[in-house]
Amino acid sequence: MAHFYELTSKHSAIFREDINTPHQAKKECLASGRKLVASVTEKLKMLPNSFINDWRVSEAIHLARKHPHVNPSVITEMIWGMREHPLTGEEMGSAAWGTECHTQLELAMNNQWEPNQWEPFVKPFIDWTGERDFQLLDTEIIVASDTPEFNVAGTIDLLAKLNGKVCLFDYKTRRVTEGSDIRKKAYEKDCMQLASESHMVREMMDLDYNPKIFTVIISTQDGDTHVKKWTDKAFEKALSKAMHCFKFYDEINGL
């Protein structure tokens, strides 16, 4: 489902649960005069990925033939795999599983978490922060930019200071098959998301540097965790590509 935000100032926004499509966003803008923008992740979907598109179609056909009586919406969820809930044992879609894992991590970072069956997926990153000069600033913080080059908003999983410098962290729960290298589960789009959000944080906090960006990859199989620090070179390349996606999205959708 697409996410949209209502800009409340140059660098802040509120999430609009009632808006799910560019058409609805445009209609709301015209009717109320409020400024609505698509999320960072929604705009980055404009980035072409023929491999993923072909795989998704092939997997959908395979699952539909294998489960002819299953609702198409369930098939769509099954494409990305099903996971077992650590607490209930219930089978759930990978997106819902990832959302719950994010919630557990957020609770842990805010010292509101009590150890439970999610521990294998939460503790590795908590230990990583504990071994460093780490200071929590905020979790699930919304950032925005009303500049023509961005015109976007997004939610940062974790904003912190590492060695006295502001930095951003984004959690990604991914399937890592046996024998695979978890470090290869960090993708260009991850960097594009973080680089654009880092740019917005820099403007919002009036910093004289780009906050460093980290993707926290968590294996859905066993909780194996890798904290990927993106290089400055990767940052600059990703930011440029993200800005092109943002502009293209708005031109196509009239936002």
C-alpha atoms as a PDB file:
ATOM      1  CA  MET A   1       0.000   0.000   0.000  1.00  0.00           C
ATOM      2  CA  ALA A   2       1.297   3.443  -0.928  1.00  0.00           C
ATOM      3  CA  HIS A   3       2.025   5.888   1.900  1.00  0.00           C
ATOM      4  CA  PHE A   4       1.372   9.623   1.769  1.00  0.00           C
ATOM      5  CA  TYR A   5       2.182  12.467   4.147  1.00  0.00           C
ATOM      6  CA  GLU A   6       0.771  15.931   4.704  1.00  0.00           C
ATOM      7  CA  LEU A   7       3.467  18.587   4.975  1.00  0.00           C
ATOM      8  CA  THR A   8       2.983  20.755   8.058  1.00  0.00           C
ATOM      9  CA  SER A   9       6.143  22.820   7.628  1.00  0.00           C
ATOM     10  CA  LYS A  10       9.282  22.897   5.523  1.00  0.00           C
ATOM     11  CA  HIS A  11      10.797  19.869   7.278  1.00  0.00           C
ATOM     12  CA  SER A  12       7.906  18.165   9.086  1.00  0.00           C
ATOM     13  CA  ALA A  13       4.857  16.146   8.108  1.00  0.00           C
ATOM     14  CA  ILE A  14       2.113  13.883   9.416  1.00  0.00           C
ATOM     15  CA  PHE A  15       1.217  10.468   8.033  1.00  0.00           C
ATOM     16  CA  ARG A  16      -2.164  10.354   6.282  1.00  0.00           C
ATOM     17  CA  GLU A  17      -3.670   6.897   6.741  1.00  0.00           C
ATOM     18  CA  ASP A  18      -6.721   7.903   4.690  1.00  0.00           C
ATOM     19  CA  ILE A  19      -4.716   8.612   1.508  1.00  0.00           C
ATOM     20  CA  ASN A  20      -3.517   5.594  -0.504  1.00  0.00           C
ATOM     21  CA  THR A  21      -3.169   6.700  -4.126  1.00  0.00           C
ATOM     22  CA  PRO A  22      -1.677   9.638  -6.062  1.00  0.00           C
ATOM     23  CA  HIS A  23      -5.198  10.451  -7.304  1.00  0.00           C
ATOM     24  CA  GLN A  24      -6.513  10.755  -3.738  1.00  0.00           C
ATOM     25  CA  ALA A  25      -3.511  12.883  -2.756  1.00  0.00           C
ATOM     26  CA  LYS A  26      -3.994  15.243  -5.697  1.00  0.00           C
ATOM     27  CA  LYS A  27      -7.736  15.489  -5.020  1.00  0.00           C
ATOM     28  CA  GLU A  28      -7.092  16.324  -1.355  1.00  0.00           C
ATOM     29  CA  CYS A  29      -4.530  18.984  -2.314  1.00  0.00           C
ATOM     30  CA  LEU A  30      -7.024  20.673  -4.633  1.00  0.00           C
ATOM     31  CA  ALA A  31      -9.934  20.444  -2.180  1.00  0.00           C
ATOM     32  CA  SER A  32      -8.200  21.530   1.034  1.00  0.00           C
ATOM     33  CA  GLY A  33      -5.126  23.418  -0.089  1.00  0.00           C
ATOM     34  CA  ARG A  34      -3.012  21.126   2.047  1.00  0.00           C
ATOM     35  CA  LYS A  35       0.274  19.874   0.584  1.00  0.00           C
ATOM     36  CA  LEU A  36       0.409  16.088   0.286  1.00  0.00           C
ATOM     37  CA  VAL A  37       3.470  14.184  -0.851  1.00  0.00           C
ATOM     38  CA  ALA A  38       4.310  10.544  -1.477  1.00  0.00           C
ATOM     39  CA  SER A  39       6.721   8.709   0.810  1.00  0.00           C
ATOM     40  CA  VAL A  40      10.374   8.154  -0.025  1.00  0.00           C
ATOM     41  CA  THR A  41       9.814   4.409  -0.467  1.00  0.00           C
ATOM     42  CA  GLU A  42       6.799   4.974  -2.718  1.00  0.00           C
ATOM     43  CA  LYS A  43       8.697   7.320  -5.016  1.00  0.00           C
ATOM     44  CA  LEU A  44      11.671   4.965  -5.194  1.00  0.00           C
ATOM     45  CA  LYS A  45       9.410   2.360  -6.766  1.00  0.00           C
ATOM     46  CA  MET A  46       9.929   4.357  -9.959  1.00  0.00           C
ATOM     47  CA  LEU A  47      13.436   2.850 -10.140  1.00  0.00           C
ATOM     48  CA  PRO A  48      13.328   0.148 -12.843  1.00  0.00           C
ATOM     49  CA  ASN A  49      14.122  -3.408 -11.727  1.00  0.00           C
ATOM     50  CA  SER A  50      13.381  -5.868 -14.514  1.00  0.00           C
ATOM     51  CA  PHE A  51      14.682  -8.846 -12.508  1.00  0.00           C
ATOM     52  CA  ILE A  52      12.277  -8.265  -9.606  1.00  0.00           C
ATOM     53  CA  ASN A  53       9.356  -7.536 -11.924  1.00  0.00           C
ATOM     54  CA  ASP A  54       9.899 -10.719 -13.960  1.00  0.00           C
ATOM     55  CA  TRP A  55      10.446 -12.807 -10.819  1.00  0.00           C
ATOM     56  CA  ARG A  56       7.295 -11.452  -9.176  1.00  0.00           C
ATOM     57  CA  VAL A  57       5.117 -12.333 -12.182  1.00  0.00           C
ATOM     58  CA  SER A  58       6.666 -15.791 -12.477  1.00  0.00           C
ATOM     59  CA  GLU A  59       6.231 -16.478  -8.750  1.00  0.00           C
ATOM     60  CA  ALA A  60       2.611 -15.272  -8.802  1.00  0.00           C
ATOM     61  CA  ILE A  61       1.768 -17.622 -11.684  1.00  0.00           C
ATOM     62  CA  HIS A  62       3.501 -20.529  -9.932  1.00  0.00           C
ATOM     63  CA  LEU A  63       1.651 -19.934  -6.641  1.00  0.00           C
ATOM     64  CA  ALA A  64      -1.732 -19.408  -8.349  1.00  0.00           C
ATOM     65  CA  ARG A  65      -1.401 -22.751 -10.126  1.00  0.00           C
ATOM     66  CA  LYS A  66      -0.263 -24.468  -6.929  1.00  0.00           C
ATOM     67  CA  HIS A  67      -3.104 -22.940  -4.876  1.00  0.00           C
ATOM     68  CA  PRO A  68      -6.014 -22.490  -7.344  1.00  0.00           C
ATOM     69  CA  HIS A  69      -8.580 -21.794  -4.626  1.00  0.00           C
ATOM     70  CA  VAL A  70      -6.589 -19.214  -2.659  1.00  0.00           C
ATOM     71  CA  ASN A  71      -7.667 -15.568  -2.809  1.00  0.00           C
ATOM     72  CA  PRO A  72      -5.468 -13.448  -5.128  1.00  0.00           C
ATOM     73  CA  SER A  73      -4.691 -11.044  -2.259  1.00  0.00           C
ATOM     74  CA  VAL A  74      -3.249 -13.952  -0.289  1.00  0.00           C
ATOM     75  CA  ILE A  75      -1.234 -15.056  -3.320  1.00  0.00           C
ATOM     76  CA  THR A  76       0.224 -11.545  -3.503  1.00  0.00           C
ATOM     77  CA  GLU A  77       1.317 -11.848   0.132  1.00  0.00           C
ATOM     78  CA  MET A  78       2.717 -15.351  -0.404  1.00  0.00           C
ATOM     79  CA  ILE A  79       5.003 -14.112  -3.193  1.00  0.00           C
ATOM     80  CA  TRP A  80       7.338 -12.606  -0.630  1.00  0.00           C
ATOM     81  CA  GLY A  81       7.224 -15.660   1.614  1.00  0.00           C
ATOM     82  CA  MET A  82       5.479 -16.627   4.836  1.00  0.00           C
ATOM     83  CA  ARG A  83       7.078 -16.437   8.285  1.00  0.00           C
ATOM     84  CA  GLU A  84       6.342 -18.000  11.662  1.00  0.00           C
ATOM     85  CA  HIS A  85       5.522 -15.551  14.438  1.00  0.00           C
ATOM     86  CA  PRO A  86       8.066 -16.193  17.234  1.00  0.00           C
ATOM     87  CA  LEU A  87       5.484 -15.659  19.991  1.00  0.00           C
ATOM     88  CA  THR A  88       2.352 -17.335  18.614  1.00  0.00           C
ATOM     89  CA  GLY A  89       3.729 -19.735  16.029  1.00  0.00           C
ATOM     90  CA  GLU A  90       1.165 -18.291  13.610  1.00  0.00           C
ATOM     91  CA  GLU A  91       2.108 -18.205   9.919  1.00  0.00           C
ATOM     92  CA  MET A  92       2.137 -14.647   8.628  1.00  0.00           C
ATOM     93  CA  GLY A  93       3.265 -12.668   5.594  1.00  0.00           C
ATOM     94  CA  SER A  94       6.821 -11.397   5.453  1.00  0.00           C
ATOM     95  CA  ALA A  95       5.671  -7.742   5.512  1.00  0.00           C
ATOM     96  CA  ALA A  96       3.669  -8.219   8.714  1.00  0.00           C
ATOM     97  CA  TRP A  97       6.550 -10.196  10.239  1.00  0.00           C
ATOM     98  CA  GLY A  98       8.968  -7.393   9.400  1.00  0.00           C
ATOM     99  CA  THR A  99       6.642  -4.770  10.882  1.00  0.00           C
ATOM    100  CA  GLU A 100       6.441  -6.705  14.145  1.00  0.00           C
ATOM    101  CA  CYS A 101      10.218  -7.108  14.250  1.00  0.00           C
ATOM    102  CA  HIS A 102      10.554  -3.328  13.761  1.00  0.00           C
ATOM    103  CA  THR A 103       8.185  -2.793  16.692  1.00  0.00           C
ATOM    104  CA  GLN A 104      10.245  -5.073  18.938  1.00  0.00           C
ATOM    105  CA  LEU A 105      13.430  -3.227  17.993  1.00  0.00           C
ATOM    106  CA  GLU A 106      11.799   0.145  18.640  1.00  0.00           C
ATOM    107  CA  LEU A 107      10.693  -0.995  22.101  1.00  0.00           C
ATOM    108  CA  ALA A 108      14.190  -2.295  22.856  1.00  0.00           C
ATOM    109  CA  MET A 109      15.872   0.938  21.748  1.00  0.00           C
ATOM    110  CA  ASN A 110      13.533   2.910  24.041  1.00  0.00           C
ATOM    111  CA  ASN A 111      14.154   0.581  27.009  1.00  0.00           C
ATOM    112  CA  GLN A 112      10.537  -0.601  26.946  1.00  0.00           C
ATOM    113  CA  TRP A 113      11.209  -4.157  25.833  1.00  0.00           C
ATOM    114  CA  GLU A 114      11.064  -7.314  27.914  1.00  0.00           C
ATOM    115  CA  PRO A 115      12.998 -10.319  26.555  1.00  0.00           C
ATOM    116  CA  ASN A 116      10.771 -12.751  24.679  1.00  0.00           C
ATOM    117  CA  GLN A 117      10.926 -15.108  21.698  1.00  0.00           C
ATOM    118  CA  TRP A 118      11.943 -12.184  19.465  1.00  0.00           C
ATOM    119  CA  GLU A 119      15.274 -11.990  21.288  1.00  0.00           C
ATOM    120  CA  PRO A 120      17.355 -13.715  18.540  1.00  0.00           C
ATOM    121  CA  PHE A 121      16.200 -11.002  16.111  1.00  0.00           C
ATOM    122  CA  VAL A 122      16.541  -8.047  18.496  1.00  0.00           C
ATOM    123  CA  LYS A 123      19.537  -8.670  20.755  1.00  0.00           C
ATOM    124  CA  PRO A 124      22.321  -8.669  18.097  1.00  0.00           C
ATOM    125  CA  PHE A 125      21.716  -5.041  17.133  1.00  0.00           C
ATOM    126  CA  ILE A 126      21.171  -3.954  20.738  1.00  0.00           C
ATOM    127  CA  ASP A 127      24.527  -5.547  21.566  1.00  0.00           C
ATOM    128  CA  TRP A 128      26.092  -3.757  18.570  1.00  0.00           C
ATOM    129  CA  THR A 129      24.964  -0.357  19.871  1.00  0.00           C
ATOM    130  CA  GLY A 130      26.094  -1.230  23.403  1.00  0.00           C
ATOM    131  CA  GLU A 131      29.631  -1.900  22.211  1.00  0.00           C
ATOM    132  CA  ARG A 132      29.994   1.596  20.711  1.00  0.00           C
ATOM    133  CA  ASP A 133      29.811   5.278  21.580  1.00  0.00           C
ATOM    134  CA  PHE A 134      26.109   5.318  20.780  1.00  0.00           C
ATOM    135  CA  GLN A 135      23.440   7.814  21.843  1.00  0.00           C
ATOM    136  CA  LEU A 136      19.778   7.426  20.918  1.00  0.00           C
ATOM    137  CA  LEU A 137      18.114  10.562  19.549  1.00  0.00           C
ATOM    138  CA  ASP A 138      14.742   9.297  18.303  1.00  0.00           C
ATOM    139  CA  THR A 139      12.886   6.348  16.777  1.00  0.00           C
ATOM    140  CA  GLU A 140      10.240   6.348  14.047  1.00  0.00           C
ATOM    141  CA  ILE A 141      10.878  10.016  13.301  1.00  0.00           C
ATOM    142  CA  ILE A 142       9.172  11.633  10.301  1.00  0.00           C
ATOM    143  CA  VAL A 143      11.293  13.921   8.122  1.00  0.00           C
ATOM    144  CA  ALA A 144      10.264  15.920   5.088  1.00  0.00           C
ATOM    145  CA  SER A 145      11.409  18.414   2.494  1.00  0.00           C
ATOM    146  CA  ASP A 146       9.203  20.777   0.528  1.00  0.00           C
ATOM    147  CA  THR A 147      11.906  21.694  -1.997  1.00  0.00           C
ATOM    148  CA  PRO A 148      11.046  20.997  -5.665  1.00  0.00           C
ATOM    149  CA  GLU A 149      13.958  18.544  -5.895  1.00  0.00           C
ATOM    150  CA  PHE A 150      12.507  16.430  -3.075  1.00  0.00           C
ATOM    151  CA  ASN A 151       8.838  17.192  -2.299  1.00  0.00           C
ATOM    152  CA  VAL A 152       8.769  14.060  -0.175  1.00  0.00           C
ATOM    153  CA  ALA A 153       8.543  12.703   3.371  1.00  0.00           C
ATOM    154  CA  GLY A 154       9.624   9.530   5.112  1.00  0.00           C
ATOM    155  CA  THR A 155       9.954   7.782   8.451  1.00  0.00           C
ATOM    156  CA  ILE A 156      13.400   6.967   9.848  1.00  0.00           C
ATOM    157  CA  ASP A 157      13.619   3.812  11.958  1.00  0.00           C
ATOM    158  CA  LEU A 158      16.377   5.139  14.179  1.00  0.00           C
ATOM    159  CA  LEU A 159      18.166   8.482  14.541  1.00  0.00           C
ATOM    160  CA  ALA A 160      21.208   8.456  16.790  1.00  0.00           C
ATOM    161  CA  LYS A 161      24.666   9.797  17.443  1.00  0.00           C
ATOM    162  CA  LEU A 162      27.619   7.527  16.802  1.00  0.00           C
ATOM    163  CA  ASN A 163      30.959   8.838  18.039  1.00  0.00           C
ATOM    164  CA  GLY A 164      29.291  12.212  18.544  1.00  0.00           C
ATOM    165  CA  LYS A 165      27.949  12.487  14.977  1.00  0.00           C
ATOM    166  CA  VAL A 166      24.309  12.216  13.866  1.00  0.00           C
ATOM    167  CA  CYS A 167      23.556   9.081  11.851  1.00  0.00           C
ATOM    168  CA  LEU A 168      20.571   7.147  10.489  1.00  0.00           C
ATOM    169  CA  PHE A 169      19.696   3.462  10.748  1.00  0.00           C
ATOM    170  CA  ASP A 170      17.110   1.527   8.749  1.00  0.00           C
ATOM    171  CA  TYR A 171      16.029  -2.021   9.642  1.00  0.00           C
ATOM    172  CA  LYS A 172      15.617  -4.590   6.863  1.00  0.00           C
ATOM    173  CA  THR A 173      14.380  -8.120   7.613  1.00  0.00           C
ATOM    174  CA  ARG A 174      15.421 -10.452   4.806  1.00  0.00           C
ATOM    175  CA  ARG A 175      15.573 -14.134   4.027  1.00  0.00           C
ATOM    176  CA  VAL A 176      19.167 -15.337   3.980  1.00  0.00           C
ATOM    177  CA  THR A 177      19.408 -18.867   2.661  1.00  0.00           C
ATOM    178  CA  GLU A 178      21.907 -21.296   4.148  1.00  0.00           C
ATOM    179  CA  GLY A 179      25.366 -20.659   2.768  1.00  0.00           C
ATOM    180  CA  SER A 180      24.471 -17.174   1.530  1.00  0.00           C
ATOM    181  CA  ASP A 181      26.391 -14.047   2.556  1.00  0.00           C
ATOM    182  CA  ILE A 182      24.159 -11.714   4.558  1.00  0.00           C
ATOM    183  CA  ARG A 183      26.348  -8.775   3.503  1.00  0.00           C
ATOM    184  CA  LYS A 184      25.028  -9.187  -0.040  1.00  0.00           C
ATOM    185  CA  LYS A 185      21.492  -8.493   1.180  1.00  0.00           C
ATOM    186  CA  ALA A 186      22.144  -4.741   1.234  1.00  0.00           C
ATOM    187  CA  TYR A 187      20.763  -3.199  -1.947  1.00  0.00           C
ATOM    188  CA  GLU A 188      21.144   0.068  -3.833  1.00  0.00           C
ATOM    189  CA  LYS A 189      17.571   1.115  -3.058  1.00  0.00           C
ATOM    190  CA  ASP A 190      18.364   0.829   0.672  1.00  0.00           C
ATOM    191  CA  CYS A 191      21.096   3.392   0.188  1.00  0.00           C
ATOM    192  CA  MET A 192      18.850   5.640  -1.911  1.00  0.00           C
ATOM    193  CA  GLN A 193      16.232   5.695   0.840  1.00  0.00           C
ATOM    194  CA  LEU A 194      18.719   6.485   3.588  1.00  0.00           C
ATOM    195  CA  ALA A 195      20.729   9.007   1.565  1.00  0.00           C
ATOM    196  CA  SER A 196      17.626  11.076   0.795  1.00  0.00           C
ATOM    197  CA  GLU A 197      16.471  10.925   4.417  1.00  0.00           C
ATOM    198  CA  SER A 198      19.973  11.887   5.586  1.00  0.00           C
ATOM    199  CA  HIS A 199      19.852  14.930   3.314  1.00  0.00           C
ATOM    200  CA  MET A 200      16.550  15.958   4.888  1.00  0.00           C
ATOM    201  CA  VAL A 201      17.937  15.462   8.406  1.00  0.00           C
ATOM    202  CA  ARG A 202      20.924  17.625   7.524  1.00  0.00           C
ATOM    203  CA  GLU A 203      18.602  20.456   6.480  1.00  0.00           C
ATOM    204  CA  MET A 204      16.236  19.953   9.413  1.00  0.00           C
ATOM    205  CA  MET A 205      19.029  19.954  12.031  1.00  0.00           C
ATOM    206  CA  ASP A 206      21.108  22.576  10.182  1.00  0.00           C
ATOM    207  CA  LEU A 207      24.168  20.321  10.143  1.00  0.00           C
ATOM    208  CA  ASP A 208      27.369  21.039   8.222  1.00  0.00           C
ATOM    209  CA  TYR A 209      27.772  17.382   7.232  1.00  0.00           C
ATOM    210  CA  ASN A 210      25.752  14.524   5.787  1.00  0.00           C
ATOM    211  CA  PRO A 211      24.764  12.148   8.602  1.00  0.00           C
ATOM    212  CA  LYS A 212      26.236   8.681   8.027  1.00  0.00           C
ATOM    213  CA  ILE A 213      23.775   5.986   6.983  1.00  0.00           C
ATOM    214  CA  PHE A 214      23.486   2.347   8.049  1.00  0.00           C
ATOM    215  CA  THR A 215      21.278  -0.514   6.881  1.00  0.00           C
ATOM    216  CA  VAL A 216      20.633  -3.085   9.620  1.00  0.00           C
ATOM    217  CA  ILE A 217      20.026  -6.418   7.872  1.00  0.00           C
ATOM    218  CA  ILE A 218      18.338  -9.070  10.013  1.00  0.00           C
ATOM    219  CA  SER A 219      18.003 -12.643   8.805  1.00  0.00           C
ATOM    220  CA  THR A 220      14.435 -13.885   9.169  1.00  0.00           C
ATOM    221  CA  GLN A 221      15.773 -17.420   9.577  1.00  0.00           C
ATOM    222  CA  ASP A 222      17.940 -17.069  12.666  1.00  0.00           C
ATOM    223  CA  GLY A 223      18.389 -13.401  13.519  1.00  0.00           C
ATOM    224  CA  ASP A 224      21.910 -13.164  12.132  1.00  0.00           C
ATOM    225  CA  THR A 225      22.521  -9.413  11.862  1.00  0.00           C
ATOM    226  CA  HIS A 226      24.825  -7.291   9.723  1.00  0.00           C
ATOM    227  CA  VAL A 227      25.127  -3.511  10.098  1.00  0.00           C
ATOM    228  CA  LYS A 228      26.051  -2.106   6.691  1.00  0.00           C
ATOM    229  CA  LYS A 229      27.744   1.309   6.716  1.00  0.00           C
ATOM    230  CA  TRP A 230      27.377   2.983   3.324  1.00  0.00           C
ATOM    231  CA  THR A 231      30.379   4.823   1.883  1.00  0.00           C
ATOM    232  CA  ASP A 232      30.380   8.506   0.939  1.00  0.00           C
ATOM    233  CA  LYS A 233      30.722   7.511  -2.715  1.00  0.00           C
ATOM    234  CA  ALA A 234      27.680   5.242  -2.520  1.00  0.00           C
ATOM    235  CA  PHE A 235      25.807   8.011  -0.683  1.00  0.00           C
ATOM    236  CA  GLU A 236      26.368  10.636  -3.381  1.00  0.00           C
ATOM    237  CA  LYS A 237      25.445   8.266  -6.219  1.00  0.00           C
ATOM    238  CA  ALA A 238      22.321   7.051  -4.419  1.00  0.00           C
ATOM    239  CA  LEU A 239      21.165  10.581  -3.549  1.00  0.00           C
ATOM    240  CA  SER A 240      21.438  11.694  -7.171  1.00  0.00           C
ATOM    241  CA  LYS A 241      19.412   8.710  -8.405  1.00  0.00           C
ATOM    242  CA  ALA A 242      16.809   9.171  -5.664  1.00  0.00           C
ATOM    243  CA  MET A 243      16.250  12.799  -6.664  1.00  0.00           C
ATOM    244  CA  HIS A 244      15.637  11.731 -10.261  1.00  0.00           C
ATOM    245  CA  CYS A 245      13.036   9.208  -9.039  1.00  0.00           C
ATOM    246  CA  PHE A 246      11.327  11.852  -6.890  1.00  0.00           C
ATOM    247  CA  LYS A 247      11.016  14.306  -9.762  1.00  0.00           C
ATOM    248  CA  PHE A 248       9.844  11.656 -12.228  1.00  0.00           C
ATOM    249  CA  TYR A 249       7.178  10.417  -9.810  1.00  0.00           C
ATOM    250  CA  ASP A 250       5.740  13.904  -9.341  1.00  0.00           C
ATOM    251  CA  GLU A 251       5.751  14.637 -13.076  1.00  0.00           C
ATOM    252  CA  ILE A 252       3.952  11.369 -13.865  1.00  0.00           C
ATOM    253  CA  ASN A 253       1.373  11.773 -11.098  1.00  0.00           C
ATOM    254  CA  GLY A 254       0.867  15.523 -11.241  1.00  0.00           C
ATOM    255  CA  LEU A 255       2.012  16.139  -7.681  1.00  0.00           C
END
